[in-house]
Amino acid sequence: RDQQSFSFLYDNYSGALYSIVLQV
Protein backbone atom coordinates (compact mmCIF):
# COMPACT_ATOMS: atom_id res chain seq x y z
CA ARG A 1 0.00 0.00 0.00
CA ASP A 2 2.78 2.40 -0.93
CA GLN A 3 1.21 5.75 -1.87
CA GLN A 4 3.86 6.58 -4.48
CA SER A 5 3.33 3.27 -6.25
CA PHE A 6 -0.38 3.93 -6.54
CA SER A 7 0.28 7.46 -7.75
CA PHE A 8 2.55 6.00 -10.43
CA LEU A 9 -0.16 3.48 -11.32
CA TYR A 10 -2.78 6.22 -11.61
CA ASP A 11 -0.55 8.56 -13.62
CA ASN A 12 0.39 5.88 -16.13
CA TYR A 13 -2.82 3.88 -16.49
CA SER A 14 -5.77 6.18 -15.74
CA GLY A 15 -6.05 7.33 -19.37
CA ALA A 16 -6.31 3.80 -20.75
CA LEU A 17 -8.75 2.71 -18.05
CA TYR A 18 -10.86 5.84 -18.55
CA SER A 19 -11.22 5.07 -22.27
CA ILE A 20 -12.41 1.53 -21.47
CA VAL A 21 -14.95 2.85 -18.95
CA LEU A 22 -16.11 5.56 -21.36
CA GLN A 23 -16.79 2.97 -24.06
CA VAL A 24 -19.20 1.17 -21.74
mmCIF file of all heavy atoms, coordinates in Angstrom:
data_MODEL
# 
_entry.id   MODEL 
# 
loop_
_atom_site.group_PDB 
_atom_site.id 
_atom_site.type_symbol 
_atom_site.label_atom_id 
_atom_site.label_alt_id 
_atom_site.label_comp_id 
_atom_site.label_asym_id 
_atom_site.label_entity_id 
_atom_site.label_seq_id 
_atom_site.pdbx_PDB_ins_code 
_atom_site.Cartn_x 
_atom_site.Cartn_y 
_atom_site.Cartn_z 
_atom_site.occupancy 
_atom_site.B_iso_or_equiv 
_atom_site.pdbx_formal_charge 
_atom_site.auth_seq_id 
_atom_site.auth_comp_id 
_atom_site.auth_asym_id 
_atom_site.auth_atom_id 
_atom_site.pdbx_PDB_model_num 
ATOM 1   N N   . ARG A 1 1  ? 0.818   -1.218 0.000   1.00 0.00 ? 1  ARG A N   1 
ATOM 2   C CA  . ARG A 1 1  ? 0.000   0.000  0.000   1.00 0.00 ? 1  ARG A CA  1 
ATOM 3   C C   . ARG A 1 1  ? 0.853   1.269  0.000   1.00 0.00 ? 1  ARG A C   1 
ATOM 4   O O   . ARG A 1 1  ? 0.550   2.243  0.686   1.00 0.00 ? 1  ARG A O   1 
ATOM 5   C CB  . ARG A 1 1  ? -0.962  0.020  1.167   1.00 0.00 ? 1  ARG A CB  1 
ATOM 6   C CG  . ARG A 1 1  ? -1.794  -1.224 1.291   1.00 0.00 ? 1  ARG A CG  1 
ATOM 7   C CD  . ARG A 1 1  ? -3.230  -0.917 1.040   1.00 0.00 ? 1  ARG A CD  1 
ATOM 8   N NE  . ARG A 1 1  ? -4.054  -2.051 1.424   1.00 0.00 ? 1  ARG A NE  1 
ATOM 9   C CZ  . ARG A 1 1  ? -4.705  -2.780 0.540   1.00 0.00 ? 1  ARG A CZ  1 
ATOM 10  N NH1 . ARG A 1 1  ? -4.622  -2.504 -0.713  1.00 0.00 ? 1  ARG A NH1 1 
ATOM 11  N NH2 . ARG A 1 1  ? -5.448  -3.786 0.931   1.00 0.00 ? 1  ARG A NH2 1 
ATOM 12  N N   . ASP A 1 2  ? 1.912   1.239  -0.791  1.00 0.00 ? 2  ASP A N   1 
ATOM 13  C CA  . ASP A 1 2  ? 2.784   2.396  -0.935  1.00 0.00 ? 2  ASP A CA  1 
ATOM 14  C C   . ASP A 1 2  ? 2.080   3.460  -1.781  1.00 0.00 ? 2  ASP A C   1 
ATOM 15  O O   . ASP A 1 2  ? 1.679   3.203  -2.915  1.00 0.00 ? 2  ASP A O   1 
ATOM 16  C CB  . ASP A 1 2  ? 4.103   1.987  -1.586  1.00 0.00 ? 2  ASP A CB  1 
ATOM 17  C CG  . ASP A 1 2  ? 5.026   3.167  -1.798  1.00 0.00 ? 2  ASP A CG  1 
ATOM 18  O OD1 . ASP A 1 2  ? 5.175   3.981  -0.869  1.00 0.00 ? 2  ASP A OD1 1 
ATOM 19  O OD2 . ASP A 1 2  ? 5.581   3.267  -2.911  1.00 0.00 ? 2  ASP A OD2 1 
ATOM 20  N N   . GLN A 1 3  ? 1.925   4.651  -1.225  1.00 0.00 ? 3  GLN A N   1 
ATOM 21  C CA  . GLN A 1 3  ? 1.209   5.755  -1.867  1.00 0.00 ? 3  GLN A CA  1 
ATOM 22  C C   . GLN A 1 3  ? 1.851   6.145  -3.201  1.00 0.00 ? 3  GLN A C   1 
ATOM 23  O O   . GLN A 1 3  ? 1.153   6.403  -4.175  1.00 0.00 ? 3  GLN A O   1 
ATOM 24  C CB  . GLN A 1 3  ? 1.191   6.961  -0.922  1.00 0.00 ? 3  GLN A CB  1 
ATOM 25  C CG  . GLN A 1 3  ? 0.151   7.992  -1.274  1.00 0.00 ? 3  GLN A CG  1 
ATOM 26  C CD  . GLN A 1 3  ? -1.196  7.650  -0.686  1.00 0.00 ? 3  GLN A CD  1 
ATOM 27  O OE1 . GLN A 1 3  ? -1.275  7.008  0.338   1.00 0.00 ? 3  GLN A OE1 1 
ATOM 28  N NE2 . GLN A 1 3  ? -2.251  8.088  -1.325  1.00 0.00 ? 3  GLN A NE2 1 
ATOM 29  N N   . GLN A 1 4  ? 3.171   6.188  -3.249  1.00 0.00 ? 4  GLN A N   1 
ATOM 30  C CA  . GLN A 1 4  ? 3.860   6.581  -4.481  1.00 0.00 ? 4  GLN A CA  1 
ATOM 31  C C   . GLN A 1 4  ? 3.647   5.558  -5.590  1.00 0.00 ? 4  GLN A C   1 
ATOM 32  O O   . GLN A 1 4  ? 3.516   5.927  -6.756  1.00 0.00 ? 4  GLN A O   1 
ATOM 33  C CB  . GLN A 1 4  ? 5.358   6.766  -4.227  1.00 0.00 ? 4  GLN A CB  1 
ATOM 34  C CG  . GLN A 1 4  ? 5.681   8.017  -3.446  1.00 0.00 ? 4  GLN A CG  1 
ATOM 35  C CD  . GLN A 1 4  ? 7.179   8.175  -3.251  1.00 0.00 ? 4  GLN A CD  1 
ATOM 36  O OE1 . GLN A 1 4  ? 7.905   7.193  -3.168  1.00 0.00 ? 4  GLN A OE1 1 
ATOM 37  N NE2 . GLN A 1 4  ? 7.615   9.424  -3.166  1.00 0.00 ? 4  GLN A NE2 1 
ATOM 38  N N   . SER A 1 5  ? 3.571   4.310  -5.245  1.00 0.00 ? 5  SER A N   1 
ATOM 39  C CA  . SER A 1 5  ? 3.327   3.269  -6.249  1.00 0.00 ? 5  SER A CA  1 
ATOM 40  C C   . SER A 1 5  ? 1.944   3.420  -6.854  1.00 0.00 ? 5  SER A C   1 
ATOM 41  O O   . SER A 1 5  ? 1.760   3.285  -8.063  1.00 0.00 ? 5  SER A O   1 
ATOM 42  C CB  . SER A 1 5  ? 3.465   1.880  -5.631  1.00 0.00 ? 5  SER A CB  1 
ATOM 43  O OG  . SER A 1 5  ? 4.772   1.676  -5.183  1.00 0.00 ? 5  SER A OG  1 
ATOM 44  N N   . PHE A 1 6  ? 0.963   3.729  -6.023  1.00 0.00 ? 6  PHE A N   1 
ATOM 45  C CA  . PHE A 1 6  ? -0.382  3.931  -6.541  1.00 0.00 ? 6  PHE A CA  1 
ATOM 46  C C   . PHE A 1 6  ? -0.483  5.217  -7.346  1.00 0.00 ? 6  PHE A C   1 
ATOM 47  O O   . PHE A 1 6  ? -1.206  5.279  -8.329  1.00 0.00 ? 6  PHE A O   1 
ATOM 48  C CB  . PHE A 1 6  ? -1.424  3.898  -5.407  1.00 0.00 ? 6  PHE A CB  1 
ATOM 49  C CG  . PHE A 1 6  ? -1.877  2.512  -5.099  1.00 0.00 ? 6  PHE A CG  1 
ATOM 50  C CD1 . PHE A 1 6  ? -1.302  1.806  -4.069  1.00 0.00 ? 6  PHE A CD1 1 
ATOM 51  C CD2 . PHE A 1 6  ? -2.856  1.893  -5.849  1.00 0.00 ? 6  PHE A CD2 1 
ATOM 52  C CE1 . PHE A 1 6  ? -1.693  0.509  -3.780  1.00 0.00 ? 6  PHE A CE1 1 
ATOM 53  C CE2 . PHE A 1 6  ? -3.256  0.604  -5.581  1.00 0.00 ? 6  PHE A CE2 1 
ATOM 54  C CZ  . PHE A 1 6  ? -2.683  -0.090 -4.540  1.00 0.00 ? 6  PHE A CZ  1 
ATOM 55  N N   . SER A 1 7  ? 0.241   6.228  -6.957  1.00 0.00 ? 7  SER A N   1 
ATOM 56  C CA  . SER A 1 7  ? 0.284   7.458  -7.752  1.00 0.00 ? 7  SER A CA  1 
ATOM 57  C C   . SER A 1 7  ? 0.864   7.172  -9.125  1.00 0.00 ? 7  SER A C   1 
ATOM 58  O O   . SER A 1 7  ? 0.353   7.650  -10.142 1.00 0.00 ? 7  SER A O   1 
ATOM 59  C CB  . SER A 1 7  ? 1.118   8.528  -7.048  1.00 0.00 ? 7  SER A CB  1 
ATOM 60  O OG  . SER A 1 7  ? 0.491   8.936  -5.871  1.00 0.00 ? 7  SER A OG  1 
ATOM 61  N N   . PHE A 1 8  ? 1.941   6.394  -9.159  1.00 0.00 ? 8  PHE A N   1 
ATOM 62  C CA  . PHE A 1 8  ? 2.547   5.999  -10.429 1.00 0.00 ? 8  PHE A CA  1 
ATOM 63  C C   . PHE A 1 8  ? 1.545   5.219  -11.279 1.00 0.00 ? 8  PHE A C   1 
ATOM 64  O O   . PHE A 1 8  ? 1.397   5.454  -12.472 1.00 0.00 ? 8  PHE A O   1 
ATOM 65  C CB  . PHE A 1 8  ? 3.799   5.152  -10.182 1.00 0.00 ? 8  PHE A CB  1 
ATOM 66  C CG  . PHE A 1 8  ? 4.419   4.623  -11.444 1.00 0.00 ? 8  PHE A CG  1 
ATOM 67  C CD1 . PHE A 1 8  ? 5.270   5.421  -12.192 1.00 0.00 ? 8  PHE A CD1 1 
ATOM 68  C CD2 . PHE A 1 8  ? 4.143   3.334  -11.881 1.00 0.00 ? 8  PHE A CD2 1 
ATOM 69  C CE1 . PHE A 1 8  ? 5.838   4.935  -13.370 1.00 0.00 ? 8  PHE A CE1 1 
ATOM 70  C CE2 . PHE A 1 8  ? 4.705   2.845  -13.047 1.00 0.00 ? 8  PHE A CE2 1 
ATOM 71  C CZ  . PHE A 1 8  ? 5.553   3.650  -13.794 1.00 0.00 ? 8  PHE A CZ  1 
ATOM 72  N N   . LEU A 1 9  ? 0.841   4.285  -10.641 1.00 0.00 ? 9  LEU A N   1 
ATOM 73  C CA  . LEU A 1 9  ? -0.165  3.479  -11.323 1.00 0.00 ? 9  LEU A CA  1 
ATOM 74  C C   . LEU A 1 9  ? -1.251  4.378  -11.922 1.00 0.00 ? 9  LEU A C   1 
ATOM 75  O O   . LEU A 1 9  ? -1.615  4.227  -13.095 1.00 0.00 ? 9  LEU A O   1 
ATOM 76  C CB  . LEU A 1 9  ? -0.782  2.504  -10.315 1.00 0.00 ? 9  LEU A CB  1 
ATOM 77  C CG  . LEU A 1 9  ? -1.334  1.197  -10.821 1.00 0.00 ? 9  LEU A CG  1 
ATOM 78  C CD1 . LEU A 1 9  ? -0.247  0.362  -11.465 1.00 0.00 ? 9  LEU A CD1 1 
ATOM 79  C CD2 . LEU A 1 9  ? -1.956  0.423  -9.664  1.00 0.00 ? 9  LEU A CD2 1 
ATOM 80  N N   . TYR A 1 10 ? -1.738  5.317  -11.139 1.00 0.00 ? 10 TYR A N   1 
ATOM 81  C CA  . TYR A 1 10 ? -2.779  6.222  -11.611 1.00 0.00 ? 10 TYR A CA  1 
ATOM 82  C C   . TYR A 1 10 ? -2.261  7.086  -12.764 1.00 0.00 ? 10 TYR A C   1 
ATOM 83  O O   . TYR A 1 10 ? -2.924  7.222  -13.795 1.00 0.00 ? 10 TYR A O   1 
ATOM 84  C CB  . TYR A 1 10 ? -3.292  7.118  -10.478 1.00 0.00 ? 10 TYR A CB  1 
ATOM 85  C CG  . TYR A 1 10 ? -4.418  8.007  -10.929 1.00 0.00 ? 10 TYR A CG  1 
ATOM 86  C CD1 . TYR A 1 10 ? -5.719  7.535  -10.937 1.00 0.00 ? 10 TYR A CD1 1 
ATOM 87  C CD2 . TYR A 1 10 ? -4.183  9.305  -11.374 1.00 0.00 ? 10 TYR A CD2 1 
ATOM 88  C CE1 . TYR A 1 10 ? -6.766  8.336  -11.376 1.00 0.00 ? 10 TYR A CE1 1 
ATOM 89  C CE2 . TYR A 1 10 ? -5.216  10.111 -11.817 1.00 0.00 ? 10 TYR A CE2 1 
ATOM 90  C CZ  . TYR A 1 10 ? -6.498  9.616  -11.816 1.00 0.00 ? 10 TYR A CZ  1 
ATOM 91  O OH  . TYR A 1 10 ? -7.535  10.406 -12.266 1.00 0.00 ? 10 TYR A OH  1 
ATOM 92  N N   . ASP A 1 11 ? -1.100  7.672  -12.593 1.00 0.00 ? 11 ASP A N   1 
ATOM 93  C CA  . ASP A 1 11 ? -0.547  8.559  -13.616 1.00 0.00 ? 11 ASP A CA  1 
ATOM 94  C C   . ASP A 1 11 ? -0.341  7.851  -14.943 1.00 0.00 ? 11 ASP A C   1 
ATOM 95  O O   . ASP A 1 11 ? -0.536  8.446  -16.003 1.00 0.00 ? 11 ASP A O   1 
ATOM 96  C CB  . ASP A 1 11 ? 0.781   9.156  -13.147 1.00 0.00 ? 11 ASP A CB  1 
ATOM 97  C CG  . ASP A 1 11 ? 0.616   10.133 -11.988 1.00 0.00 ? 11 ASP A CG  1 
ATOM 98  O OD1 . ASP A 1 11 ? -0.521  10.611 -11.762 1.00 0.00 ? 11 ASP A OD1 1 
ATOM 99  O OD2 . ASP A 1 11 ? 1.623   10.393 -11.294 1.00 0.00 ? 11 ASP A OD2 1 
ATOM 100 N N   . ASN A 1 12 ? 0.044   6.588  -14.906 1.00 0.00 ? 12 ASN A N   1 
ATOM 101 C CA  . ASN A 1 12 ? 0.392   5.877  -16.127 1.00 0.00 ? 12 ASN A CA  1 
ATOM 102 C C   . ASN A 1 12 ? -0.749  5.074  -16.750 1.00 0.00 ? 12 ASN A C   1 
ATOM 103 O O   . ASN A 1 12 ? -0.682  4.752  -17.931 1.00 0.00 ? 12 ASN A O   1 
ATOM 104 C CB  . ASN A 1 12 ? 1.594   4.961  -15.884 1.00 0.00 ? 12 ASN A CB  1 
ATOM 105 C CG  . ASN A 1 12 ? 2.852   5.766  -15.703 1.00 0.00 ? 12 ASN A CG  1 
ATOM 106 O OD1 . ASN A 1 12 ? 3.358   6.338  -16.646 1.00 0.00 ? 12 ASN A OD1 1 
ATOM 107 N ND2 . ASN A 1 12 ? 3.325   5.847  -14.471 1.00 0.00 ? 12 ASN A ND2 1 
ATOM 108 N N   . TYR A 1 13 ? -1.771  4.753  -15.979 1.00 0.00 ? 13 TYR A N   1 
ATOM 109 C CA  . TYR A 1 13 ? -2.820  3.879  -16.492 1.00 0.00 ? 13 TYR A CA  1 
ATOM 110 C C   . TYR A 1 13 ? -4.227  4.476  -16.464 1.00 0.00 ? 13 TYR A C   1 
ATOM 111 O O   . TYR A 1 13 ? -5.150  3.891  -17.012 1.00 0.00 ? 13 TYR A O   1 
ATOM 112 C CB  . TYR A 1 13 ? -2.828  2.550  -15.734 1.00 0.00 ? 13 TYR A CB  1 
ATOM 113 C CG  . TYR A 1 13 ? -1.566  1.764  -15.946 1.00 0.00 ? 13 TYR A CG  1 
ATOM 114 C CD1 . TYR A 1 13 ? -0.584  1.707  -14.957 1.00 0.00 ? 13 TYR A CD1 1 
ATOM 115 C CD2 . TYR A 1 13 ? -1.326  1.099  -17.138 1.00 0.00 ? 13 TYR A CD2 1 
ATOM 116 C CE1 . TYR A 1 13 ? 0.586   1.000  -15.158 1.00 0.00 ? 13 TYR A CE1 1 
ATOM 117 C CE2 . TYR A 1 13 ? -0.156  0.387  -17.346 1.00 0.00 ? 13 TYR A CE2 1 
ATOM 118 C CZ  . TYR A 1 13 ? 0.799   0.345  -16.359 1.00 0.00 ? 13 TYR A CZ  1 
ATOM 119 O OH  . TYR A 1 13 ? 1.961   -0.347 -16.556 1.00 0.00 ? 13 TYR A OH  1 
ATOM 120 N N   . SER A 1 14 ? -4.415  5.622  -15.851 1.00 0.00 ? 14 SER A N   1 
ATOM 121 C CA  . SER A 1 14 ? -5.767  6.181  -15.740 1.00 0.00 ? 14 SER A CA  1 
ATOM 122 C C   . SER A 1 14 ? -6.355  6.510  -17.107 1.00 0.00 ? 14 SER A C   1 
ATOM 123 O O   . SER A 1 14 ? -7.553  6.315  -17.326 1.00 0.00 ? 14 SER A O   1 
ATOM 124 C CB  . SER A 1 14 ? -5.777  7.407  -14.832 1.00 0.00 ? 14 SER A CB  1 
ATOM 125 O OG  . SER A 1 14 ? -4.953  8.423  -15.368 1.00 0.00 ? 14 SER A OG  1 
ATOM 126 N N   . GLY A 1 15 ? -5.549  6.991  -18.038 1.00 0.00 ? 15 GLY A N   1 
ATOM 127 C CA  . GLY A 1 15 ? -6.054  7.327  -19.369 1.00 0.00 ? 15 GLY A CA  1 
ATOM 128 C C   . GLY A 1 15 ? -6.613  6.115  -20.100 1.00 0.00 ? 15 GLY A C   1 
ATOM 129 O O   . GLY A 1 15 ? -7.703  6.161  -20.677 1.00 0.00 ? 15 GLY A O   1 
ATOM 130 N N   . ALA A 1 16 ? -5.866  5.026  -20.076 1.00 0.00 ? 16 ALA A N   1 
ATOM 131 C CA  . ALA A 1 16 ? -6.312  3.803  -20.749 1.00 0.00 ? 16 ALA A CA  1 
ATOM 132 C C   . ALA A 1 16 ? -7.562  3.235  -20.081 1.00 0.00 ? 16 ALA A C   1 
ATOM 133 O O   . ALA A 1 16 ? -8.510  2.822  -20.762 1.00 0.00 ? 16 ALA A O   1 
ATOM 134 C CB  . ALA A 1 16 ? -5.195  2.761  -20.733 1.00 0.00 ? 16 ALA A CB  1 
ATOM 135 N N   . LEU A 1 17 ? -7.584  3.238  -18.764 1.00 0.00 ? 17 LEU A N   1 
ATOM 136 C CA  . LEU A 1 17 ? -8.749  2.709  -18.047 1.00 0.00 ? 17 LEU A CA  1 
ATOM 137 C C   . LEU A 1 17 ? -9.975  3.599  -18.259 1.00 0.00 ? 17 LEU A C   1 
ATOM 138 O O   . LEU A 1 17 ? -11.092 3.098  -18.409 1.00 0.00 ? 17 LEU A O   1 
ATOM 139 C CB  . LEU A 1 17 ? -8.437  2.566  -16.556 1.00 0.00 ? 17 LEU A CB  1 
ATOM 140 C CG  . LEU A 1 17 ? -7.331  1.565  -16.204 1.00 0.00 ? 17 LEU A CG  1 
ATOM 141 C CD1 . LEU A 1 17 ? -7.088  1.539  -14.709 1.00 0.00 ? 17 LEU A CD1 1 
ATOM 142 C CD2 . LEU A 1 17 ? -7.647  0.178  -16.728 1.00 0.00 ? 17 LEU A CD2 1 
ATOM 143 N N   . TYR A 1 18 ? -9.750  4.905  -18.308 1.00 0.00 ? 18 TYR A N   1 
ATOM 144 C CA  . TYR A 1 18 ? -10.858 5.837  -18.554 1.00 0.00 ? 18 TYR A CA  1 
ATOM 145 C C   . TYR A 1 18 ? -11.482 5.573  -19.922 1.00 0.00 ? 18 TYR A C   1 
ATOM 146 O O   . TYR A 1 18 ? -12.711 5.582  -20.055 1.00 0.00 ? 18 TYR A O   1 
ATOM 147 C CB  . TYR A 1 18 ? -10.360 7.281  -18.460 1.00 0.00 ? 18 TYR A CB  1 
ATOM 148 C CG  . TYR A 1 18 ? -11.418 8.312  -18.769 1.00 0.00 ? 18 TYR A CG  1 
ATOM 149 C CD1 . TYR A 1 18 ? -12.396 8.632  -17.840 1.00 0.00 ? 18 TYR A CD1 1 
ATOM 150 C CD2 . TYR A 1 18 ? -11.440 8.959  -19.994 1.00 0.00 ? 18 TYR A CD2 1 
ATOM 151 C CE1 . TYR A 1 18 ? -13.373 9.579  -18.114 1.00 0.00 ? 18 TYR A CE1 1 
ATOM 152 C CE2 . TYR A 1 18 ? -12.410 9.905  -20.280 1.00 0.00 ? 18 TYR A CE2 1 
ATOM 153 C CZ  . TYR A 1 18 ? -13.371 10.208 -19.342 1.00 0.00 ? 18 TYR A CZ  1 
ATOM 154 O OH  . TYR A 1 18 ? -14.337 11.144 -19.625 1.00 0.00 ? 18 TYR A OH  1 
ATOM 155 N N   . SER A 1 19 ? -10.670 5.319  -20.932 1.00 0.00 ? 19 SER A N   1 
ATOM 156 C CA  . SER A 1 19 ? -11.218 5.073  -22.269 1.00 0.00 ? 19 SER A CA  1 
ATOM 157 C C   . SER A 1 19 ? -12.039 3.790  -22.301 1.00 0.00 ? 19 SER A C   1 
ATOM 158 O O   . SER A 1 19 ? -13.068 3.727  -22.967 1.00 0.00 ? 19 SER A O   1 
ATOM 159 C CB  . SER A 1 19 ? -10.116 5.050  -23.322 1.00 0.00 ? 19 SER A CB  1 
ATOM 160 O OG  . SER A 1 19 ? -9.269  3.939  -23.146 1.00 0.00 ? 19 SER A OG  1 
ATOM 161 N N   . ILE A 1 20 ? -11.631 2.779  -21.554 1.00 0.00 ? 20 ILE A N   1 
ATOM 162 C CA  . ILE A 1 20 ? -12.408 1.531  -21.466 1.00 0.00 ? 20 ILE A CA  1 
ATOM 163 C C   . ILE A 1 20 ? -13.747 1.796  -20.787 1.00 0.00 ? 20 ILE A C   1 
ATOM 164 O O   . ILE A 1 20 ? -14.798 1.377  -21.259 1.00 0.00 ? 20 ILE A O   1 
ATOM 165 C CB  . ILE A 1 20 ? -11.625 0.449  -20.689 1.00 0.00 ? 20 ILE A CB  1 
ATOM 166 C CG1 . ILE A 1 20 ? -10.370 0.032  -21.444 1.00 0.00 ? 20 ILE A CG1 1 
ATOM 167 C CG2 . ILE A 1 20 ? -12.498 -0.760 -20.380 1.00 0.00 ? 20 ILE A CG2 1 
ATOM 168 C CD1 . ILE A 1 20 ? -10.606 -0.587 -22.795 1.00 0.00 ? 20 ILE A CD1 1 
ATOM 169 N N   . VAL A 1 21 ? -13.714 2.526  -19.687 1.00 0.00 ? 21 VAL A N   1 
ATOM 170 C CA  . VAL A 1 21 ? -14.946 2.846  -18.949 1.00 0.00 ? 21 VAL A CA  1 
ATOM 171 C C   . VAL A 1 21 ? -15.872 3.689  -19.821 1.00 0.00 ? 21 VAL A C   1 
ATOM 172 O O   . VAL A 1 21 ? -17.077 3.446  -19.891 1.00 0.00 ? 21 VAL A O   1 
ATOM 173 C CB  . VAL A 1 21 ? -14.617 3.576  -17.619 1.00 0.00 ? 21 VAL A CB  1 
ATOM 174 C CG1 . VAL A 1 21 ? -15.869 4.123  -16.977 1.00 0.00 ? 21 VAL A CG1 1 
ATOM 175 C CG2 . VAL A 1 21 ? -13.882 2.641  -16.676 1.00 0.00 ? 21 VAL A CG2 1 
ATOM 176 N N   . LEU A 1 22 ? -15.314 4.665  -20.525 1.00 0.00 ? 22 LEU A N   1 
ATOM 177 C CA  . LEU A 1 22 ? -16.112 5.555  -21.363 1.00 0.00 ? 22 LEU A CA  1 
ATOM 178 C C   . LEU A 1 22 ? -16.796 4.811  -22.505 1.00 0.00 ? 22 LEU A C   1 
ATOM 179 O O   . LEU A 1 22 ? -17.902 5.151  -22.900 1.00 0.00 ? 22 LEU A O   1 
ATOM 180 C CB  . LEU A 1 22 ? -15.241 6.688  -21.909 1.00 0.00 ? 22 LEU A CB  1 
ATOM 181 C CG  . LEU A 1 22 ? -15.949 7.832  -22.605 1.00 0.00 ? 22 LEU A CG  1 
ATOM 182 C CD1 . LEU A 1 22 ? -16.955 8.502  -21.669 1.00 0.00 ? 22 LEU A CD1 1 
ATOM 183 C CD2 . LEU A 1 22 ? -14.939 8.856  -23.104 1.00 0.00 ? 22 LEU A CD2 1 
ATOM 184 N N   . GLN A 1 23 ? -16.165 3.769  -23.010 1.00 0.00 ? 23 GLN A N   1 
ATOM 185 C CA  . GLN A 1 23 ? -16.794 2.966  -24.060 1.00 0.00 ? 23 GLN A CA  1 
ATOM 186 C C   . GLN A 1 23 ? -18.050 2.275  -23.557 1.00 0.00 ? 23 GLN A C   1 
ATOM 187 O O   . GLN A 1 23 ? -19.012 2.116  -24.289 1.00 0.00 ? 23 GLN A O   1 
ATOM 188 C CB  . GLN A 1 23 ? -15.815 1.909  -24.587 1.00 0.00 ? 23 GLN A CB  1 
ATOM 189 C CG  . GLN A 1 23 ? -14.713 2.476  -25.439 1.00 0.00 ? 23 GLN A CG  1 
ATOM 190 C CD  . GLN A 1 23 ? -13.725 1.407  -25.864 1.00 0.00 ? 23 GLN A CD  1 
ATOM 191 O OE1 . GLN A 1 23 ? -13.972 0.215  -25.726 1.00 0.00 ? 23 GLN A OE1 1 
ATOM 192 N NE2 . GLN A 1 23 ? -12.590 1.840  -26.372 1.00 0.00 ? 23 GLN A NE2 1 
ATOM 193 N N   . VAL A 1 24 ? -18.053 1.882  -22.309 1.00 0.00 ? 24 VAL A N   1 
ATOM 194 C CA  . VAL A 1 24 ? -19.203 1.173  -21.745 1.00 0.00 ? 24 VAL A CA  1 
ATOM 195 C C   . VAL A 1 24 ? -20.252 2.158  -21.237 1.00 0.00 ? 24 VAL A C   1 
ATOM 196 O O   . VAL A 1 24 ? -21.443 2.004  -21.505 1.00 0.00 ? 24 VAL A O   1 
ATOM 197 C CB  . VAL A 1 24 ? -18.755 0.229  -20.603 1.00 0.00 ? 24 VAL A CB  1 
ATOM 198 C CG1 . VAL A 1 24 ? -19.952 -0.436 -19.940 1.00 0.00 ? 24 VAL A CG1 1 
ATOM 199 C CG2 . VAL A 1 24 ? -17.786 -0.817 -21.122 1.00 0.00 ? 24 VAL A CG2 1 
# 
